[in-house]
Amino acid sequence: MGLKRPLQKGMALIIVLMLFAIISTLMMEILFRQNRFLNRADNLLQWDKRYQYAMAAEVVAQQGLIDDLQDDVKNNAQVDDCVDEQWAVQLPPTPYEDAFLSASVQDLQGRFNLNWLISPNAGGFDRQPDRIRELEQLLDSILPDQSNSSRLANEMADWLDSNNIVDDVEGAEDPEYRDRRTPNMPAAHESELRALLGFEVTDMPEDPMLWGLLTALPPGTTLNVNTAPQQVLDAVVGSLAGPDGVKAIVDARADEAITDIGALLAGPTFADLDEDDRDLLKTRLGVASEYFQVMVDVEVDGQLSRLVTRLYRGGGNGEPTAVFSRQVSPLLTPLEPACNPFYNVE
């Protein structure tokens, strides 16, 4: 009997120690989860704050575009260039309450539109061989491996056109893709180029700003000659008017914005063009824009966010300005300037 009492006391002590260890572990887990929940809630609140700041800057940029359009309508001169326009400015890091905001506006119609590769018909979309060659020429100036330009251009056309036939030896349709299907409709974003079968990681240009030469807009959208960089002009205008035609545009806009495509094409440089080629250029080229991109960077307490918004600005005929794309993206590249960095650069 005398041996049981010390044994019972020892067992009770072990049980107490085990309960204490369990309770301590539970308390540590509760404190850990509570701390993680608080951090998560704080991160979400901070993210939402940065997002709301970015949305506010987007509204200001949108109003600036509207004011610019109304001013153009008032002066009967609907022209957009990236020198004298109200929107063609870049906001440096500017303090606002507890944040720093940076912003810029880009003209999307100064870029090569991937949806030019197709044209709508009654039943879908047909590929345009001439536009495919233009994209191939542009890709030659972008990709480090120029031998892949023709393949990507033809795969992009198959990606967009309505049929499921590989129209070119370098094309690709549904049977060639294992994990996805070709949309058979206009692209929503130029990044769809990365989904092509022939696109490799090594095709990503060293300078990410080169992606600013491409866009995805409705197929019939014109190219703004006042904001288009040299490479795009070489591909679109150079294919019909040659280097002299491109030089004529660059020289004309160096002094002041081009205000009339008809007057430009009536010049001596384009006099030798066939009437059909001149009419085609007149249809494809413009001096004003309706599609823009707003980029806003927000920093709060060392945390960064970027909002990229694409919007359609009505052409002065009463159409409202509307956002058609909004994306929160990581800050992997510098903020794009208002003028394409390759603007007016040979």
Protein backbone atom coordinates (compact mmCIF):
# COMPACT_ATOMS: atom_id res chain seq x y z
CA MET A 1 0.00 0.00 0.00
CA GLY A 2 2.85 2.37 0.72
CA LEU A 3 4.22 1.97 -2.84
CA LYS A 4 0.98 2.95 -4.60
CA ARG A 5 0.77 6.49 -3.28
CA PRO A 6 4.14 7.70 -4.72
CA LEU A 7 3.28 5.93 -8.03
CA GLN A 8 -0.12 7.64 -8.19
CA LYS A 9 1.49 11.00 -7.46
CA GLY A 10 4.02 10.36 -10.26
CA MET A 11 1.26 9.46 -12.74
CA ALA A 12 -0.75 12.55 -11.77
CA LEU A 13 2.32 14.72 -12.32
CA ILE A 14 2.89 13.20 -15.78
CA ILE A 15 -0.77 13.77 -16.70
CA VAL A 16 -0.56 17.38 -15.52
CA LEU A 17 2.61 17.91 -17.54
CA MET A 18 1.01 16.33 -20.65
CA LEU A 19 -2.09 18.52 -20.28
CA PHE A 20 0.12 21.56 -19.84
CA ALA A 21 2.07 20.65 -22.98
CA ILE A 22 -1.15 20.10 -24.97
CA ILE A 23 -2.66 23.35 -23.76
CA SER A 24 0.56 25.22 -24.55
CA THR A 25 0.63 23.72 -28.03
CA LEU A 26 -3.00 24.66 -28.62
CA MET A 27 -2.35 28.19 -27.39
CA MET A 28 0.65 28.54 -29.68
CA GLU A 29 -1.41 27.28 -32.64
CA ILE A 30 -4.24 29.68 -31.80
CA LEU A 31 -1.83 32.61 -31.51
CA PHE A 32 -0.11 31.60 -34.76
CA ARG A 33 -3.38 31.34 -36.66
CA GLN A 34 -4.64 34.57 -35.17
CA ASN A 35 -1.43 36.35 -36.17
CA ARG A 36 -1.63 34.89 -39.68
CA PHE A 37 -5.28 35.94 -39.96
CA LEU A 38 -4.42 39.47 -38.83
CA ASN A 39 -1.54 39.66 -41.31
CA ARG A 40 -3.77 38.38 -44.07
CA ALA A 41 -6.51 40.86 -43.22
CA ASP A 42 -3.96 43.69 -43.10
CA ASN A 43 -2.50 42.64 -46.48
CA LEU A 44 -5.98 42.56 -48.02
CA LEU A 45 -6.80 45.96 -46.59
CA GLN A 46 -3.50 47.39 -47.85
CA TRP A 47 -4.07 45.81 -51.27
CA ASP A 48 -7.57 47.24 -51.43
CA LYS A 49 -6.23 50.67 -50.44
CA ARG A 50 -3.66 50.56 -53.26
CA TYR A 51 -6.33 49.37 -55.68
CA GLN A 52 -8.68 52.22 -54.75
CA TYR A 53 -5.87 54.75 -55.19
CA ALA A 54 -5.14 53.26 -58.62
CA MET A 55 -8.82 53.40 -59.55
CA ALA A 56 -8.91 57.07 -58.57
CA ALA A 57 -5.88 57.79 -60.79
CA GLU A 58 -7.55 55.85 -63.60
CA VAL A 59 -10.62 58.09 -63.36
CA VAL A 60 -8.42 61.19 -63.57
CA ALA A 61 -6.65 59.83 -66.66
CA GLN A 62 -9.97 58.88 -68.23
CA GLN A 63 -11.31 62.38 -67.66
CA GLY A 64 -8.14 63.79 -69.22
CA LEU A 65 -8.78 61.74 -72.36
CA ILE A 66 -12.38 62.96 -72.46
CA ASP A 67 -11.30 66.58 -72.04
CA ASP A 68 -8.74 66.15 -74.82
CA LEU A 69 -11.40 64.75 -77.16
CA GLN A 70 -13.85 67.54 -76.37
CA ASP A 71 -11.11 70.08 -77.05
CA ASP A 72 -10.38 68.41 -80.41
CA VAL A 73 -14.07 68.44 -81.34
CA LYS A 74 -14.36 72.08 -80.34
CA ASN A 75 -11.39 72.99 -82.55
CA ASN A 76 -12.55 70.67 -85.34
CA ALA A 77 -9.21 68.88 -85.29
CA GLN A 78 -9.41 65.32 -84.02
CA VAL A 79 -5.74 64.47 -83.86
CA ASP A 80 -3.76 62.43 -81.33
CA ASP A 81 0.01 62.50 -81.14
CA CYS A 82 2.36 61.85 -78.25
CA VAL A 83 3.91 65.30 -78.09
CA ASP A 84 1.30 68.00 -77.64
CA GLU A 85 -1.72 66.06 -76.35
CA GLN A 86 -3.03 66.50 -72.81
CA TRP A 87 -2.91 62.75 -72.20
CA ALA A 88 0.66 62.32 -73.50
CA VAL A 89 2.35 62.97 -70.16
CA GLN A 90 3.86 60.73 -67.53
CA LEU A 91 3.19 61.36 -63.86
CA PRO A 92 6.39 60.79 -61.83
CA PRO A 93 6.15 59.30 -58.32
CA THR A 94 3.86 61.80 -56.61
CA PRO A 95 2.87 61.75 -52.92
CA TYR A 96 -0.83 61.52 -52.18
CA GLU A 97 -1.85 61.12 -48.53
CA ASP A 98 0.07 57.98 -47.46
CA ALA A 99 0.85 56.74 -51.00
CA PHE A 100 3.07 57.46 -53.98
CA LEU A 101 1.39 57.33 -57.39
CA SER A 102 2.96 57.06 -60.85
CA ALA A 103 0.92 56.93 -64.04
CA SER A 104 1.12 57.11 -67.82
CA VAL A 105 -1.25 56.78 -70.79
CA GLN A 106 -0.38 54.92 -73.99
CA ASP A 107 -2.04 55.03 -77.39
CA LEU A 108 -2.89 51.44 -78.35
CA GLN A 109 -3.55 52.42 -81.97
CA GLY A 110 0.12 53.22 -82.43
CA ARG A 111 0.88 49.49 -82.21
CA PHE A 112 0.60 46.55 -84.58
CA ASN A 113 -2.84 45.02 -84.16
CA LEU A 114 -2.66 41.20 -84.20
CA ASN A 115 -6.29 41.09 -85.30
CA TRP A 116 -5.31 42.64 -88.62
CA LEU A 117 -4.36 39.09 -89.59
CA ILE A 118 -8.04 38.29 -90.11
CA SER A 119 -11.06 39.98 -91.67
CA PRO A 120 -14.68 39.28 -90.72
CA ASN A 121 -17.04 37.61 -93.16
CA ALA A 122 -20.62 36.41 -92.91
CA GLY A 123 -19.66 33.17 -91.19
CA GLY A 124 -16.49 33.97 -89.27
CA PHE A 125 -12.99 35.28 -89.92
CA ASP A 126 -10.67 34.81 -92.90
CA ARG A 127 -6.90 35.11 -92.77
CA GLN A 128 -5.15 37.96 -94.60
CA PRO A 129 -1.86 36.82 -96.23
CA ASP A 130 -0.51 40.37 -96.67
CA ARG A 131 -1.04 41.17 -93.01
CA ILE A 132 0.67 37.91 -92.03
CA ARG A 133 3.76 39.02 -93.93
CA GLU A 134 3.64 42.36 -92.13
CA LEU A 135 3.61 40.62 -88.75
CA GLU A 136 6.47 38.43 -89.86
CA GLN A 137 8.50 41.51 -90.74
CA LEU A 138 7.74 43.11 -87.38
CA LEU A 139 8.67 39.94 -85.49
CA ASP A 140 11.97 39.91 -87.36
CA SER A 141 12.79 43.15 -85.55
CA ILE A 142 11.61 41.84 -82.16
CA LEU A 143 12.62 38.21 -81.78
CA PRO A 144 16.22 37.26 -81.15
CA ASP A 145 15.71 34.23 -83.43
CA GLN A 146 14.40 35.61 -86.72
CA SER A 147 13.96 32.10 -88.14
CA ASN A 148 10.88 31.72 -85.90
CA SER A 149 9.12 34.84 -87.19
CA SER A 150 7.37 33.19 -90.14
CA ARG A 151 6.17 30.27 -88.02
CA LEU A 152 4.73 32.48 -85.30
CA ALA A 153 3.02 34.76 -87.82
CA ASN A 154 1.30 31.83 -89.54
CA GLU A 155 0.41 30.14 -86.25
CA MET A 156 -1.12 33.43 -85.08
CA ALA A 157 -3.27 33.52 -88.23
CA ASP A 158 -4.44 29.93 -87.64
CA TRP A 159 -5.10 30.84 -84.02
CA LEU A 160 -7.49 33.57 -85.13
CA ASP A 161 -9.16 32.37 -88.34
CA SER A 162 -12.43 30.44 -88.25
CA ASN A 163 -11.42 27.31 -90.10
CA ASN A 164 -9.61 24.32 -88.62
CA ILE A 165 -7.33 23.90 -91.62
CA VAL A 166 -3.60 24.47 -91.44
CA ASP A 167 -3.35 26.94 -94.31
CA ASP A 168 0.44 27.15 -94.32
CA VAL A 169 3.13 24.59 -93.75
CA GLU A 170 4.23 26.55 -90.66
CA GLY A 171 0.74 26.95 -89.20
CA ALA A 172 -0.96 25.03 -86.38
CA GLU A 173 -4.58 24.19 -85.63
CA ASP A 174 -6.44 22.19 -82.96
CA PRO A 175 -4.86 18.78 -83.77
CA GLU A 176 -1.39 20.21 -83.09
CA TYR A 177 -2.37 21.51 -79.64
CA ARG A 178 -2.78 18.97 -76.84
CA ASP A 179 -3.83 21.12 -73.87
CA ARG A 180 -5.81 23.92 -75.54
CA ARG A 181 -7.87 24.82 -78.59
CA THR A 182 -7.53 27.68 -81.03
CA PRO A 183 -10.20 30.32 -80.28
CA ASN A 184 -11.01 30.99 -83.97
CA MET A 185 -11.88 34.58 -83.15
CA PRO A 186 -10.09 37.91 -82.61
CA ALA A 187 -7.50 37.96 -79.85
CA ALA A 188 -8.36 39.73 -76.60
CA HIS A 189 -4.75 40.56 -75.71
CA GLU A 190 -1.38 40.46 -77.43
CA SER A 191 -0.13 37.99 -74.80
CA GLU A 192 -2.04 35.29 -76.70
CA LEU A 193 1.06 35.16 -78.88
CA ARG A 194 2.67 33.28 -75.99
CA ALA A 195 0.05 30.52 -76.28
CA LEU A 196 1.15 29.58 -79.79
CA LEU A 197 2.66 26.18 -80.35
CA GLY A 198 5.91 27.57 -81.69
CA PHE A 199 6.49 30.21 -79.04
CA GLU A 200 9.42 29.44 -76.76
CA VAL A 201 10.69 31.09 -73.61
CA THR A 202 13.78 32.09 -75.56
CA ASP A 203 11.53 34.08 -77.90
CA MET A 204 10.81 36.51 -75.08
CA PRO A 205 12.75 39.64 -76.04
CA GLU A 206 15.41 40.90 -73.71
CA ASP A 207 13.72 44.31 -73.67
CA PRO A 208 10.16 43.84 -72.34
CA MET A 209 9.20 47.22 -73.82
CA LEU A 210 9.19 45.54 -77.23
CA TRP A 211 5.84 44.01 -76.31
CA GLY A 212 4.56 47.58 -76.53
CA LEU A 213 4.80 47.25 -80.31
CA LEU A 214 1.88 44.80 -80.32
CA THR A 215 -1.76 45.02 -79.33
CA ALA A 216 -5.12 43.30 -79.88
CA LEU A 217 -7.96 45.56 -81.03
CA PRO A 218 -10.95 45.09 -83.37
CA PRO A 219 -9.78 44.00 -86.86
CA GLY A 220 -10.79 47.23 -88.61
CA THR A 221 -9.00 49.59 -86.22
CA THR A 222 -6.70 52.08 -87.94
CA LEU A 223 -3.02 52.71 -87.21
CA ASN A 224 -2.31 56.18 -85.85
CA VAL A 225 0.66 57.45 -87.87
CA ASN A 226 1.34 60.14 -85.27
CA THR A 227 2.13 57.64 -82.51
CA ALA A 228 3.32 54.53 -84.38
CA PRO A 229 7.02 53.73 -83.83
CA GLN A 230 9.44 53.06 -86.65
CA GLN A 231 9.18 49.26 -86.57
CA VAL A 232 5.40 49.29 -86.95
CA LEU A 233 5.52 51.83 -89.76
CA ASP A 234 8.13 49.71 -91.53
CA ALA A 235 5.81 46.70 -91.39
CA VAL A 236 2.52 48.41 -92.28
CA VAL A 237 3.47 51.32 -94.52
CA GLY A 238 6.79 49.98 -95.77
CA SER A 239 5.10 46.88 -97.20
CA LEU A 240 3.28 49.10 -99.73
CA ALA A 241 5.18 52.39 -99.95
CA GLY A 242 8.68 51.21 -99.10
CA PRO A 243 11.27 53.00 -96.95
CA ASP A 244 10.57 56.32 -98.66
CA GLY A 245 6.93 56.19 -97.57
CA VAL A 246 7.93 55.51 -93.96
CA LYS A 247 10.49 58.34 -94.05
CA ALA A 248 7.85 60.72 -95.41
CA ILE A 249 5.62 60.01 -92.41
CA VAL A 250 8.42 60.31 -89.87
CA ASP A 251 9.63 63.59 -91.40
CA ALA A 252 6.11 65.02 -91.61
CA ARG A 253 5.28 64.39 -87.97
CA ALA A 254 8.66 65.60 -86.73
CA ASP A 255 7.58 69.23 -87.14
CA GLU A 256 3.91 68.89 -86.17
CA ALA A 257 1.21 66.26 -85.97
CA ILE A 258 -0.17 64.87 -89.22
CA THR A 259 -3.79 66.05 -89.48
CA ASP A 260 -4.98 64.59 -92.79
CA ILE A 261 -4.13 61.17 -94.22
CA GLY A 262 -5.53 62.13 -97.61
CA ALA A 263 -3.20 65.12 -97.85
CA LEU A 264 -0.27 62.98 -96.73
CA LEU A 265 -0.91 60.34 -99.39
CA ALA A 266 -1.34 63.02 -102.04
CA GLY A 267 2.29 64.02 -101.56
CA PRO A 268 5.01 63.22 -104.09
CA THR A 269 6.36 60.26 -102.11
CA PHE A 270 3.14 58.31 -102.59
CA ALA A 271 2.42 59.53 -106.14
CA ASP A 272 3.80 56.40 -107.79
CA LEU A 273 1.65 54.03 -105.75
CA ASP A 274 -1.15 52.11 -107.42
CA GLU A 275 -4.54 53.58 -106.71
CA ASP A 276 -5.57 50.39 -104.91
CA ASP A 277 -2.50 50.53 -102.65
CA ARG A 278 -3.13 54.20 -101.90
CA ASP A 279 -6.76 53.49 -101.07
CA LEU A 280 -5.70 50.62 -98.84
CA LEU A 281 -3.31 52.86 -96.91
CA LYS A 282 -6.00 55.50 -96.61
CA THR A 283 -8.30 52.89 -95.08
CA ARG A 284 -5.73 51.48 -92.68
CA LEU A 285 -4.06 54.69 -91.49
CA GLY A 286 -5.45 57.43 -89.25
CA VAL A 287 -4.39 60.48 -87.25
CA ALA A 288 -6.61 60.02 -84.17
CA SER A 289 -7.15 57.23 -81.66
CA GLU A 290 -10.01 55.69 -79.75
CA TYR A 291 -8.23 52.94 -77.77
CA PHE A 292 -5.88 53.78 -74.91
CA GLN A 293 -4.08 52.11 -72.03
CA VAL A 294 -3.69 53.63 -68.56
CA MET A 295 -0.93 52.30 -66.29
CA VAL A 296 -0.89 53.26 -62.62
CA ASP A 297 1.74 52.26 -60.05
CA VAL A 298 0.87 52.71 -56.36
CA GLU A 299 3.24 52.36 -53.39
CA VAL A 300 1.98 52.31 -49.81
CA ASP A 301 4.33 51.44 -46.92
CA GLY A 302 6.82 49.86 -49.32
CA GLN A 303 4.21 47.62 -50.97
CA LEU A 304 3.62 48.06 -54.70
CA SER A 305 0.68 47.45 -57.05
CA ARG A 306 0.13 48.13 -60.74
CA LEU A 307 -3.23 48.57 -62.43
CA VAL A 308 -3.33 48.33 -66.23
CA THR A 309 -6.61 49.56 -67.72
CA ARG A 310 -7.60 49.58 -71.37
CA LEU A 311 -10.45 51.76 -72.47
CA TYR A 312 -12.37 52.89 -75.50
CA ARG A 313 -12.83 56.62 -75.89
CA GLY A 314 -15.80 57.52 -78.08
CA GLY A 315 -14.88 59.31 -81.27
CA GLY A 316 -16.72 62.55 -80.57
CA ASN A 317 -20.09 61.29 -81.81
CA GLY A 318 -21.67 60.92 -78.41
CA GLU A 319 -20.33 57.45 -77.64
CA PRO A 320 -19.36 57.03 -73.98
CA THR A 321 -15.85 56.28 -72.79
CA ALA A 322 -15.80 52.74 -71.43
CA VAL A 323 -13.28 50.38 -69.84
CA PHE A 324 -13.00 47.06 -71.68
CA SER A 325 -10.07 45.55 -69.79
CA ARG A 326 -8.64 45.96 -66.31
CA GLN A 327 -5.73 43.95 -64.93
CA VAL A 328 -3.68 44.00 -61.74
CA SER A 329 -0.19 42.95 -62.77
CA PRO A 330 3.16 42.50 -61.00
CA LEU A 331 5.78 45.20 -61.41
CA LEU A 332 8.14 43.14 -63.56
CA THR A 333 8.87 45.96 -66.00
CA PRO A 334 9.23 49.72 -65.74
CA LEU A 335 6.20 51.92 -66.24
CA GLU A 336 5.66 52.39 -69.98
CA PRO A 337 6.14 55.99 -71.13
CA ALA A 338 3.36 57.93 -72.86
CA CYS A 339 5.28 57.72 -76.13
CA ASN A 340 6.51 54.32 -77.16
CA PRO A 341 10.26 54.23 -76.38
CA PHE A 342 10.88 53.38 -80.03
CA TYR A 343 8.91 56.36 -81.32
CA ASN A 344 10.83 58.26 -83.98
CA VAL A 345 13.82 55.96 -83.48
CA GLU A 346 15.29 54.33 -86.56
